[in-house]
């Protein structure tokens, strides 16, 4: 398995950039509205511009087991990054251009790792699962 992320230029069908890491990336998210690529490693999240310039990063104490992006409504200009962790914790972040990631909340939902996050922006909610249990989190924006 590669320890990199390759960004392709679809129009020219050639490699645009390649991002290298010391470990295999676990999750990728691309926000096409903002033009931001989010890469999650075992304990670190990075965000990059469309030209793969690193914008910000955040280190976690626990392993990252799932991520989701809540886009908000048209009048809400900040995205909410939802991160599931190996201890069952779910953290919520917004991006502050001056300071990077700002944690706006967290909730310990499970005793086991978070296995998936499904975001439903039309219902202003996110489904967070761990093994056989799921919770719906309402995001009042």
C-alpha atoms as a PDB file:
ATOM      1  CA  UNK A   1       0.000   0.000   0.000  1.00  0.00           C
ATOM      2  CA  UNK A   2       1.171   3.476  -0.797  1.00  0.00           C
ATOM      3  CA  UNK A   3       2.061   5.969   1.872  1.00  0.00           C
ATOM      4  CA  UNK A   4       0.990   8.844  -0.322  1.00  0.00           C
ATOM      5  CA  UNK A   5      -1.980  10.593  -1.886  1.00  0.00           C
ATOM      6  CA  UNK A   6      -1.869  11.259  -5.611  1.00  0.00           C
ATOM      7  CA  UNK A   7      -3.882  14.206  -6.919  1.00  0.00           C
ATOM      8  CA  UNK A   8      -4.763  13.966 -10.604  1.00  0.00           C
ATOM      9  CA  UNK A   9      -5.706  16.706 -13.028  1.00  0.00           C
ATOM     10  CA  UNK A  10      -8.789  15.268 -14.737  1.00  0.00           C
ATOM     11  CA  UNK A  11      -8.648  17.713 -17.646  1.00  0.00           C
ATOM     12  CA  UNK A  12      -5.074  16.820 -18.644  1.00  0.00           C
ATOM     13  CA  UNK A  13      -5.137  13.264 -17.271  1.00  0.00           C
ATOM     14  CA  UNK A  14      -1.753  13.696 -15.612  1.00  0.00           C
ATOM     15  CA  UNK A  15      -0.498  13.688 -12.043  1.00  0.00           C
ATOM     16  CA  UNK A  16      -0.895  17.132 -10.466  1.00  0.00           C
ATOM     17  CA  UNK A  17       0.838  16.539  -7.114  1.00  0.00           C
ATOM     18  CA  UNK A  18       1.730  13.729  -4.736  1.00  0.00           C
ATOM     19  CA  UNK A  19       1.640  14.063  -0.939  1.00  0.00           C
ATOM     20  CA  UNK A  20       3.990  11.720   0.961  1.00  0.00           C
ATOM     21  CA  UNK A  21       3.556  10.447   4.519  1.00  0.00           C
ATOM     22  CA  UNK A  22       5.365   8.135   6.971  1.00  0.00           C
ATOM     23  CA  UNK A  23       2.226   5.979   7.183  1.00  0.00           C
ATOM     24  CA  UNK A  24      -0.685   4.984   4.965  1.00  0.00           C
ATOM     25  CA  UNK A  25      -3.495   7.581   4.903  1.00  0.00           C
ATOM     26  CA  UNK A  26      -6.712   6.255   6.482  1.00  0.00           C
ATOM     27  CA  UNK A  27      -9.377   8.642   5.148  1.00  0.00           C
ATOM     28  CA  UNK A  28      -9.765  11.299   2.470  1.00  0.00           C
ATOM     29  CA  UNK A  29     -12.437  13.976   2.106  1.00  0.00           C
ATOM     30  CA  UNK A  30     -12.681  16.587  -0.604  1.00  0.00           C
ATOM     31  CA  UNK A  31     -14.807  19.674  -0.112  1.00  0.00           C
ATOM     32  CA  UNK A  32     -15.556  20.757  -3.677  1.00  0.00           C
ATOM     33  CA  UNK A  33     -17.223  23.987  -2.503  1.00  0.00           C
ATOM     34  CA  UNK A  34     -14.139  25.180  -0.602  1.00  0.00           C
ATOM     35  CA  UNK A  35     -11.567  23.320  -2.736  1.00  0.00           C
ATOM     36  CA  UNK A  36      -9.979  21.685   0.320  1.00  0.00           C
ATOM     37  CA  UNK A  37      -8.605  18.160   0.627  1.00  0.00           C
ATOM     38  CA  UNK A  38      -8.676  16.585   4.100  1.00  0.00           C
ATOM     39  CA  UNK A  39      -6.326  13.668   4.801  1.00  0.00           C
ATOM     40  CA  UNK A  40      -6.552  11.657   8.019  1.00  0.00           C
ATOM     41  CA  UNK A  41      -3.618   9.569   9.202  1.00  0.00           C
ATOM     42  CA  UNK A  42      -3.602   7.446  12.356  1.00  0.00           C
ATOM     43  CA  UNK A  43      -3.450  10.388  14.791  1.00  0.00           C
ATOM     44  CA  UNK A  44      -3.224  13.512  12.594  1.00  0.00           C
ATOM     45  CA  UNK A  45      -5.528  15.355  10.211  1.00  0.00           C
ATOM     46  CA  UNK A  46      -4.136  17.583   7.461  1.00  0.00           C
ATOM     47  CA  UNK A  47      -5.943  19.971   5.145  1.00  0.00           C
ATOM     48  CA  UNK A  48      -4.578  21.115   1.792  1.00  0.00           C
ATOM     49  CA  UNK A  49      -5.474  23.699  -0.817  1.00  0.00           C
ATOM     50  CA  UNK A  50      -6.392  22.667  -4.354  1.00  0.00           C
ATOM     51  CA  UNK A  51      -2.658  22.967  -5.208  1.00  0.00           C
ATOM     52  CA  UNK A  52      -1.736  20.650  -2.302  1.00  0.00           C
ATOM     53  CA  UNK A  53      -0.259  23.366  -0.100  1.00  0.00           C
ATOM     54  CA  UNK A  54      -0.678  22.417   3.572  1.00  0.00           C
ATOM     55  CA  UNK A  55      -3.154  24.782   5.217  1.00  0.00           C
ATOM     56  CA  UNK A  56      -3.443  23.298   8.700  1.00  0.00           C
ATOM     57  CA  UNK A  57      -3.107  20.154  10.790  1.00  0.00           C
ATOM     58  CA  UNK A  58      -4.363  18.778  14.102  1.00  0.00           C
ATOM     59  CA  UNK A  59      -2.910  15.993  16.289  1.00  0.00           C
ATOM     60  CA  UNK A  60      -5.084  13.596  18.304  1.00  0.00           C
ATOM     61  CA  UNK A  61      -4.250  11.510  21.379  1.00  0.00           C
ATOM     62  CA  UNK A  62      -6.347   8.566  20.135  1.00  0.00           C
ATOM     63  CA  UNK A  63      -6.487   6.880  16.735  1.00  0.00           C
ATOM     64  CA  UNK A  64      -8.756   8.458  14.131  1.00  0.00           C
ATOM     65  CA  UNK A  65     -11.321   5.846  13.094  1.00  0.00           C
ATOM     66  CA  UNK A  66     -13.755   7.862  10.937  1.00  0.00           C
ATOM     67  CA  UNK A  67     -14.315  11.365   9.574  1.00  0.00           C
ATOM     68  CA  UNK A  68     -17.213  13.293   8.072  1.00  0.00           C
ATOM     69  CA  UNK A  69     -17.785  16.801   6.781  1.00  0.00           C
ATOM     70  CA  UNK A  70     -20.951  18.744   7.543  1.00  0.00           C
ATOM     71  CA  UNK A  71     -21.327  21.447   4.879  1.00  0.00           C
ATOM     72  CA  UNK A  72     -23.970  23.548   6.607  1.00  0.00           C
ATOM     73  CA  UNK A  73     -26.560  25.623   4.803  1.00  0.00           C
ATOM     74  CA  UNK A  74     -25.940  28.172   2.047  1.00  0.00           C
ATOM     75  CA  UNK A  75     -25.784  31.071   4.517  1.00  0.00           C
ATOM     76  CA  UNK A  76     -23.389  29.190   6.821  1.00  0.00           C
ATOM     77  CA  UNK A  77     -19.869  29.713   5.509  1.00  0.00           C
ATOM     78  CA  UNK A  78     -17.996  27.350   7.818  1.00  0.00           C
ATOM     79  CA  UNK A  79     -17.848  23.613   7.443  1.00  0.00           C
ATOM     80  CA  UNK A  80     -17.876  21.323  10.465  1.00  0.00           C
ATOM     81  CA  UNK A  81     -15.369  18.476  10.440  1.00  0.00           C
ATOM     82  CA  UNK A  82     -16.581  15.502  12.504  1.00  0.00           C
ATOM     83  CA  UNK A  83     -13.914  13.075  13.744  1.00  0.00           C
ATOM     84  CA  UNK A  84     -14.540   9.665  15.331  1.00  0.00           C
ATOM     85  CA  UNK A  85     -11.847   8.253  17.598  1.00  0.00           C
ATOM     86  CA  UNK A  86     -10.762   4.841  18.867  1.00  0.00           C
ATOM     87  CA  UNK A  87     -12.022   5.570  22.407  1.00  0.00           C
ATOM     88  CA  UNK A  88     -15.604   6.211  21.196  1.00  0.00           C
ATOM     89  CA  UNK A  89     -15.261   9.979  21.311  1.00  0.00           C
ATOM     90  CA  UNK A  90     -16.628  12.228  18.548  1.00  0.00           C
ATOM     91  CA  UNK A  91     -15.053  15.684  18.090  1.00  0.00           C
ATOM     92  CA  UNK A  92     -16.374  18.653  16.113  1.00  0.00           C
ATOM     93  CA  UNK A  93     -14.105  21.240  14.470  1.00  0.00           C
ATOM     94  CA  UNK A  94     -14.447  24.403  12.448  1.00  0.00           C
ATOM     95  CA  UNK A  95     -11.640  26.076  10.564  1.00  0.00           C
ATOM     96  CA  UNK A  96     -10.390  29.372  11.880  1.00  0.00           C
ATOM     97  CA  UNK A  97      -8.170  30.895   9.178  1.00  0.00           C
ATOM     98  CA  UNK A  98      -6.050  32.615  11.799  1.00  0.00           C
ATOM     99  CA  UNK A  99      -5.554  29.679  14.201  1.00  0.00           C
ATOM    100  CA  UNK A 100      -6.236  26.537  12.145  1.00  0.00           C
ATOM    101  CA  UNK A 101      -8.672  23.981  13.517  1.00  0.00           C
ATOM    102  CA  UNK A 102     -10.864  25.075  16.437  1.00  0.00           C
ATOM    103  CA  UNK A 103     -12.577  22.348  18.443  1.00  0.00           C
ATOM    104  CA  UNK A 104     -16.163  23.462  19.048  1.00  0.00           C
ATOM    105  CA  UNK A 105     -17.333  20.371  20.900  1.00  0.00           C
ATOM    106  CA  UNK A 106     -16.903  16.726  21.689  1.00  0.00           C
ATOM    107  CA  UNK A 107     -19.049  13.885  22.962  1.00  0.00           C
ATOM    108  CA  UNK A 108     -18.168  10.459  24.320  1.00  0.00           C
ATOM    109  CA  UNK A 109     -20.791   8.281  22.611  1.00  0.00           C
ATOM    110  CA  UNK A 110     -19.358   4.754  22.812  1.00  0.00           C
ATOM    111  CA  UNK A 111     -17.044   2.494  24.792  1.00  0.00           C
ATOM    112  CA  UNK A 112     -15.692   1.050  21.536  1.00  0.00           C
ATOM    113  CA  UNK A 113     -14.230   2.825  18.474  1.00  0.00           C
ATOM    114  CA  UNK A 114     -16.403   4.934  16.182  1.00  0.00           C
ATOM    115  CA  UNK A 115     -16.720   2.893  12.970  1.00  0.00           C
ATOM    116  CA  UNK A 116     -18.567   5.272  10.646  1.00  0.00           C
ATOM    117  CA  UNK A 117     -19.966   8.777  10.264  1.00  0.00           C
ATOM    118  CA  UNK A 118     -22.725   9.536   7.776  1.00  0.00           C
ATOM    119  CA  UNK A 119     -23.642  13.195   7.280  1.00  0.00           C
ATOM    120  CA  UNK A 120     -27.126  14.199   6.106  1.00  0.00           C
ATOM    121  CA  UNK A 121     -26.920  17.944   5.497  1.00  0.00           C
ATOM    122  CA  UNK A 122     -30.558  18.205   4.385  1.00  0.00           C
ATOM    123  CA  UNK A 123     -31.688  16.964   7.802  1.00  0.00           C
ATOM    124  CA  UNK A 124     -28.940  18.877   9.685  1.00  0.00           C
ATOM    125  CA  UNK A 125     -27.780  15.636  11.259  1.00  0.00           C
ATOM    126  CA  UNK A 126     -25.016  13.060  11.346  1.00  0.00           C
ATOM    127  CA  UNK A 127     -25.309   9.333  12.040  1.00  0.00           C
ATOM    128  CA  UNK A 128     -22.413   8.042  14.123  1.00  0.00           C
ATOM    129  CA  UNK A 129     -21.948   4.281  14.540  1.00  0.00           C
ATOM    130  CA  UNK A 130     -19.855   1.894  16.595  1.00  0.00           C
ATOM    131  CA  UNK A 131     -20.211  -1.859  16.044  1.00  0.00           C
ATOM    132  CA  UNK A 132     -23.937  -2.482  16.660  1.00  0.00           C
ATOM    133  CA  UNK A 133     -24.996   0.933  17.998  1.00  0.00           C
ATOM    134  CA  UNK A 134     -25.763   4.176  16.164  1.00  0.00           C
ATOM    135  CA  UNK A 135     -26.656   7.683  17.294  1.00  0.00           C
ATOM    136  CA  UNK A 136     -28.148  10.539  15.348  1.00  0.00           C
ATOM    137  CA  UNK A 137     -26.611  13.900  16.196  1.00  0.00           C
ATOM    138  CA  UNK A 138     -28.647  16.969  15.320  1.00  0.00           C
ATOM    139  CA  UNK A 139     -26.508  19.935  14.244  1.00  0.00           C
ATOM    140  CA  UNK A 140     -28.562  23.111  14.729  1.00  0.00           C
ATOM    141  CA  UNK A 141     -27.277  25.463  12.042  1.00  0.00           C
END
